[in-house]
């Protein structure tokens, strides 16, 4: 995998909205990025609106393309997720980007970009907090984003008594479960073979989570990974007749015949403590009876 150049003070970082429109300003995020010594460039989509989107598909494509092609812009961060990135992914031209790779960051709907960058471009990317989430983000999660951009050590360790013990090594990939399923069968579908898979989701029905896990299993994805990391599964919904299984129950049921380690409660996803992950990078996952460690090689 290609590692884009890390940021340094004075570099330009662009904020754009490839999906849903912003509900308000992102002044706090701009101030945070500036406090890191970065020059912030705002895309036209930051203040645009077209139905639920941050401008028309054409505008969102043009905005993102502008920053992909501009050699003075060293990183692009999506202002928010929502829905809409898939509507523009096939319109984007990554030719200039591949000549001069740069960091692309975000999560949720930005999983479309993470998957495409992995499958088509072979370039690492950052799964982490976005400008919309900065006011609610914990200091450690925001600091982890800074470390990811600037190339500082990024390793995680936390206490946990759930999951399945073991050690695994491989490239870390993944993102939002719904979006990973949506990429299936497309040019943007990433390979899961010999990878450590991270998944998270928000606002889904319990049965829908189970259905998507069945999709991964029946497609052979869960049998070919080296390890599984389960992040936040938040604001889940249930039917009048309860589904009856927790996310942990579902996951362990679907992977019971495999031997790789499984980590739950990883601090990433649609949560305030959404720590940055570098997708495409080699990592070592270790799950014990008392805790979880994720260390990049």
Protein backbone atom coordinates (compact mmCIF):
# COMPACT_ATOMS: atom_id res chain seq x y z
CA UNK A 1 0.00 0.00 0.00
CA UNK A 2 1.08 3.58 -0.70
CA UNK A 3 1.43 5.85 2.34
CA UNK A 4 0.69 9.50 1.45
CA UNK A 5 3.16 12.08 2.79
CA UNK A 6 2.40 13.03 6.38
CA UNK A 7 1.30 16.59 7.06
CA UNK A 8 3.57 19.26 8.46
CA UNK A 9 2.82 22.70 9.79
CA UNK A 10 1.90 25.13 7.03
CA UNK A 11 0.28 22.46 4.85
CA UNK A 12 -3.15 22.96 3.33
CA UNK A 13 -6.05 20.71 4.28
CA UNK A 14 -9.34 20.91 2.38
CA UNK A 15 -12.79 20.38 3.86
CA UNK A 16 -15.46 19.21 1.44
CA UNK A 17 -18.89 17.55 1.67
CA UNK A 18 -19.23 14.57 -0.69
CA UNK A 19 -22.51 13.49 0.87
CA UNK A 20 -25.10 15.18 3.10
CA UNK A 21 -25.29 18.92 3.68
CA UNK A 22 -24.01 20.51 6.87
CA UNK A 23 -26.65 21.61 9.39
CA UNK A 24 -24.52 24.56 10.54
CA UNK A 25 -21.06 26.03 10.53
CA UNK A 26 -17.90 24.12 11.37
CA UNK A 27 -15.98 26.95 13.01
CA UNK A 28 -14.75 24.79 15.89
CA UNK A 29 -13.29 22.25 13.44
CA UNK A 30 -11.55 24.95 11.42
CA UNK A 31 -10.04 26.40 14.61
CA UNK A 32 -8.86 22.96 15.68
CA UNK A 33 -7.13 22.26 12.36
CA UNK A 34 -5.58 25.72 12.41
CA UNK A 35 -4.30 25.09 15.95
CA UNK A 36 -2.38 22.15 14.45
CA UNK A 37 -0.61 24.62 12.17
CA UNK A 38 -2.63 23.77 9.06
CA UNK A 39 -4.12 26.13 6.50
CA UNK A 40 -7.79 25.25 6.03
CA UNK A 41 -9.42 25.50 2.60
CA UNK A 42 -13.23 25.29 2.51
CA UNK A 43 -14.93 23.74 -0.49
CA UNK A 44 -18.03 25.21 -2.10
CA UNK A 45 -20.03 22.26 -0.77
CA UNK A 46 -19.51 23.35 2.83
CA UNK A 47 -22.28 25.93 2.44
CA UNK A 48 -24.21 24.30 -0.42
CA UNK A 49 -27.53 22.49 -0.30
CA UNK A 50 -29.56 20.49 -2.81
CA UNK A 51 -32.37 18.45 -1.25
CA UNK A 52 -30.54 16.51 1.48
CA UNK A 53 -27.17 16.75 -0.25
CA UNK A 54 -24.37 19.31 0.04
CA UNK A 55 -25.11 20.56 -3.46
CA UNK A 56 -25.90 18.66 -6.63
CA UNK A 57 -23.95 15.57 -7.65
CA UNK A 58 -22.16 17.75 -10.17
CA UNK A 59 -21.11 20.31 -7.55
CA UNK A 60 -19.96 17.69 -5.06
CA UNK A 61 -17.95 15.96 -7.77
CA UNK A 62 -16.36 19.22 -8.92
CA UNK A 63 -15.51 20.20 -5.34
CA UNK A 64 -13.84 16.89 -4.51
CA UNK A 65 -12.08 16.72 -7.87
CA UNK A 66 -10.66 20.19 -7.35
CA UNK A 67 -8.93 19.08 -4.18
CA UNK A 68 -7.79 15.75 -5.63
CA UNK A 69 -6.08 17.63 -8.46
CA UNK A 70 -4.62 20.55 -6.50
CA UNK A 71 -0.99 19.67 -5.61
CA UNK A 72 -0.92 22.36 -2.91
CA UNK A 73 -3.66 20.54 -0.95
CA UNK A 74 -1.99 17.84 1.13
CA UNK A 75 -5.08 16.29 2.73
CA UNK A 76 -8.85 16.13 2.24
CA UNK A 77 -11.27 15.63 5.10
CA UNK A 78 -14.97 15.07 4.58
CA UNK A 79 -17.03 17.49 6.67
CA UNK A 80 -19.64 14.83 7.39
CA UNK A 81 -21.16 11.58 6.18
CA UNK A 82 -24.85 10.89 5.76
CA UNK A 83 -25.53 9.57 2.28
CA UNK A 84 -24.33 10.54 -1.18
CA UNK A 85 -20.68 9.60 -1.74
CA UNK A 86 -21.65 6.60 -3.85
CA UNK A 87 -23.45 8.97 -6.23
CA UNK A 88 -20.17 10.66 -7.17
CA UNK A 89 -17.47 8.00 -6.76
CA UNK A 90 -17.58 6.88 -10.41
CA UNK A 91 -17.33 10.49 -11.60
CA UNK A 92 -14.07 11.13 -9.78
CA UNK A 93 -10.75 10.91 -11.64
CA UNK A 94 -7.92 9.74 -9.38
CA UNK A 95 -5.15 10.14 -12.00
CA UNK A 96 -3.56 13.24 -10.46
CA UNK A 97 -4.13 11.82 -6.97
CA UNK A 98 -2.16 8.68 -7.85
CA UNK A 99 0.74 10.81 -9.10
CA UNK A 100 0.71 12.76 -5.82
CA UNK A 101 -1.21 10.77 -3.17
CA UNK A 102 -2.66 12.67 -0.23
CA UNK A 103 -4.54 11.71 2.91
CA UNK A 104 -8.32 11.35 2.62
CA UNK A 105 -10.13 11.18 5.95
CA UNK A 106 -13.62 10.58 7.29
CA UNK A 107 -15.93 7.77 8.37
CA UNK A 108 -19.50 6.53 7.97
CA UNK A 109 -20.56 7.28 4.36
CA UNK A 110 -16.89 7.98 3.59
CA UNK A 111 -16.41 4.20 3.75
CA UNK A 112 -17.20 4.39 0.02
CA UNK A 113 -13.97 6.32 -0.47
CA UNK A 114 -11.97 4.10 1.90
CA UNK A 115 -13.11 1.01 0.01
CA UNK A 116 -12.41 2.57 -3.40
CA UNK A 117 -8.96 3.81 -2.36
CA UNK A 118 -8.08 0.33 -1.13
CA UNK A 119 -9.54 -1.60 -4.08
CA UNK A 120 -8.56 0.68 -6.95
CA UNK A 121 -5.80 3.05 -5.81
CA UNK A 122 -3.83 0.95 -3.29
CA UNK A 123 -3.50 4.04 -1.05
CA UNK A 124 -3.84 4.23 2.74
CA UNK A 125 -6.60 6.43 4.24
CA UNK A 126 -7.74 7.66 7.64
CA UNK A 127 -10.97 6.56 9.33
CA UNK A 128 -11.62 9.18 11.99
CA UNK A 129 -13.50 12.20 13.30
CA UNK A 130 -14.98 14.69 10.83
CA UNK A 131 -15.54 18.45 11.22
CA UNK A 132 -19.24 18.03 12.03
CA UNK A 133 -18.31 15.77 14.95
CA UNK A 134 -15.53 17.93 16.41
CA UNK A 135 -17.70 19.74 19.02
CA UNK A 136 -18.77 16.40 20.52
CA UNK A 137 -15.52 14.52 19.97
CA UNK A 138 -13.38 13.53 22.94
CA UNK A 139 -9.93 15.10 23.22
CA UNK A 140 -8.18 11.70 22.85
CA UNK A 141 -10.11 10.93 19.65
CA UNK A 142 -9.29 14.32 18.13
CA UNK A 143 -5.65 13.95 19.19
CA UNK A 144 -5.55 10.55 17.48
CA UNK A 145 -6.68 12.21 14.24
CA UNK A 146 -3.84 14.72 14.53
CA UNK A 147 -1.37 11.91 15.13
CA UNK A 148 -2.62 10.04 12.07
CA UNK A 149 -2.24 13.10 9.84
CA UNK A 150 1.22 13.98 11.17
CA UNK A 151 2.62 10.45 11.23
CA UNK A 152 2.98 10.05 14.97
CA UNK A 153 2.69 6.72 16.78
CA UNK A 154 -0.88 5.42 16.76
CA UNK A 155 -1.46 2.31 18.85
CA UNK A 156 -4.38 1.31 21.05
CA UNK A 157 -4.85 -0.67 24.24
CA UNK A 158 -8.00 -1.02 26.34
CA UNK A 159 -9.59 -3.34 28.88
CA UNK A 160 -12.15 -5.84 27.64
CA UNK A 161 -13.43 -9.19 28.82
CA UNK A 162 -15.51 -10.04 25.76
CA UNK A 163 -14.57 -11.35 22.34
CA UNK A 164 -12.25 -14.22 21.39
CA UNK A 165 -8.61 -14.38 22.35
CA UNK A 166 -5.76 -14.67 19.88
CA UNK A 167 -3.24 -12.73 17.81
CA UNK A 168 -3.56 -11.69 14.17
CA UNK A 169 -1.43 -9.74 11.72
CA UNK A 170 -2.56 -8.13 8.48
CA UNK A 171 -3.69 -4.96 6.78
CA UNK A 172 -6.46 -3.16 8.65
CA UNK A 173 -9.51 -2.53 6.45
CA UNK A 174 -13.21 -1.92 6.88
CA UNK A 175 -15.56 0.85 7.91
CA UNK A 176 -19.31 1.19 8.13
CA UNK A 177 -20.94 -2.22 7.75
CA UNK A 178 -23.85 -0.97 5.64
CA UNK A 179 -21.50 0.75 3.21
CA UNK A 180 -19.17 -2.25 2.99
CA UNK A 181 -22.15 -4.37 1.98
CA UNK A 182 -23.19 -1.70 -0.53
CA UNK A 183 -19.77 -1.92 -2.21
CA UNK A 184 -20.21 -5.65 -2.85
CA UNK A 185 -19.84 -6.60 -6.49
CA UNK A 186 -18.63 -3.14 -7.56
CA UNK A 187 -15.21 -1.96 -8.70
CA UNK A 188 -14.88 -0.32 -5.26
CA UNK A 189 -15.22 -3.58 -3.30
CA UNK A 190 -12.09 -4.11 -1.21
CA UNK A 191 -10.51 -7.49 -0.68
CA UNK A 192 -10.94 -8.96 2.79
CA UNK A 193 -8.51 -11.82 2.28
CA UNK A 194 -5.87 -12.05 5.04
CA UNK A 195 -6.99 -8.69 6.45
CA UNK A 196 -8.01 -7.52 9.90
CA UNK A 197 -11.58 -6.30 9.43
CA UNK A 198 -13.05 -3.38 11.38
CA UNK A 199 -16.83 -2.82 11.34
CA UNK A 200 -19.20 -0.28 12.92
CA UNK A 201 -22.70 1.03 12.26
CA UNK A 202 -25.43 3.34 13.50
CA UNK A 203 -29.21 3.57 13.46
CA UNK A 204 -29.83 0.13 11.96
CA UNK A 205 -32.35 -2.49 13.04
CA UNK A 206 -30.93 -5.49 14.87
CA UNK A 207 -32.25 -7.83 12.19
CA UNK A 208 -30.53 -5.72 9.54
CA UNK A 209 -27.17 -6.15 11.27
CA UNK A 210 -27.76 -9.90 11.30
CA UNK A 211 -28.72 -9.85 7.62
CA UNK A 212 -25.55 -7.99 6.65
CA UNK A 213 -23.39 -10.39 8.66
CA UNK A 214 -25.07 -13.25 6.80
CA UNK A 215 -24.17 -11.51 3.53
CA UNK A 216 -20.51 -11.31 4.56
CA UNK A 217 -20.52 -14.93 5.65
CA UNK A 218 -22.28 -16.32 2.57
CA UNK A 219 -19.92 -14.34 0.34
CA UNK A 220 -16.98 -16.04 2.05
CA UNK A 221 -15.67 -12.81 3.58
CA UNK A 222 -15.78 -13.87 7.22
CA UNK A 223 -13.87 -17.07 6.51
CA UNK A 224 -10.92 -15.35 4.81
CA UNK A 225 -10.06 -12.59 7.31
CA UNK A 226 -7.31 -12.85 9.93
CA UNK A 227 -9.08 -10.95 12.70
CA UNK A 228 -12.25 -9.00 13.45
CA UNK A 229 -12.62 -5.68 15.30
CA UNK A 230 -16.12 -4.55 16.26
CA UNK A 231 -16.46 -0.84 16.98
CA UNK A 232 -19.51 1.15 17.97
CA UNK A 233 -22.93 -0.17 16.98
CA UNK A 234 -25.02 2.71 18.25
CA UNK A 235 -28.65 3.87 18.25
CA UNK A 236 -29.82 0.46 17.08
CA UNK A 237 -33.55 -0.11 16.62
CA UNK A 238 -35.74 -3.10 17.33
CA UNK A 239 -39.16 -4.25 16.20
CA UNK A 240 -42.26 -4.69 18.37
CA UNK A 241 -41.27 -8.32 18.71
CA UNK A 242 -37.61 -8.04 19.81
CA UNK A 243 -34.94 -9.61 17.62
CA UNK A 244 -33.53 -11.23 20.75
CA UNK A 245 -29.79 -11.12 20.03
CA UNK A 246 -27.18 -8.50 20.81
CA UNK A 247 -24.54 -7.48 18.29
CA UNK A 248 -22.03 -9.55 20.27
CA UNK A 249 -24.36 -12.57 20.07
CA UNK A 250 -24.76 -12.17 16.31
CA UNK A 251 -21.08 -11.70 15.58
CA UNK A 252 -19.94 -14.68 17.65
CA UNK A 253 -22.61 -16.87 16.10
CA UNK A 254 -21.43 -15.98 12.59
CA UNK A 255 -17.73 -16.55 13.31
CA UNK A 256 -17.95 -19.47 15.74
CA UNK A 257 -16.33 -21.97 13.36
CA UNK A 258 -13.31 -19.74 12.69
CA UNK A 259 -10.28 -19.39 14.93
CA UNK A 260 -9.21 -15.76 14.56
CA UNK A 261 -9.36 -13.18 17.38
CA UNK A 262 -12.46 -11.05 17.79
CA UNK A 263 -12.36 -7.69 19.61
CA UNK A 264 -15.48 -5.88 20.83
CA UNK A 265 -16.04 -2.32 22.07
CA UNK A 266 -13.21 -0.81 20.02
CA UNK A 267 -13.29 3.00 20.48
CA UNK A 268 -14.21 3.92 16.91
CA UNK A 269 -17.44 4.53 15.03
CA UNK A 270 -20.45 6.80 15.57
CA UNK A 271 -19.36 7.63 19.10
CA UNK A 272 -17.76 10.73 20.66
CA UNK A 273 -14.62 8.67 21.39
CA UNK A 274 -14.07 7.86 17.70
CA UNK A 275 -10.34 7.17 17.48
CA UNK A 276 -8.50 7.36 14.18
CA UNK A 277 -7.56 4.22 12.27
CA UNK A 278 -5.26 3.98 9.27
CA UNK A 279 -6.83 1.69 6.70
CA UNK A 280 -4.51 -0.27 4.45
CA UNK A 281 -1.69 -0.37 6.99
CA UNK A 282 -0.20 -3.55 8.46
CA UNK A 283 -1.23 -4.04 12.07
CA UNK A 284 -1.13 -6.61 14.84
CA UNK A 285 -4.29 -7.34 16.82
CA UNK A 286 -3.97 -9.08 20.16
CA UNK A 287 -7.02 -10.05 22.20
CA UNK A 288 -6.53 -11.52 25.67
CA UNK A 289 -8.95 -12.42 28.45
CA UNK A 290 -8.48 -8.95 29.94
CA UNK A 291 -7.93 -6.57 27.05
CA UNK A 292 -7.27 -5.63 23.44
CA UNK A 293 -4.19 -4.19 21.76
CA UNK A 294 -3.91 -2.88 18.20
CA UNK A 295 -0.42 -1.93 17.12
CA UNK A 296 0.65 -0.75 13.71
CA UNK A 297 3.81 -2.30 12.31
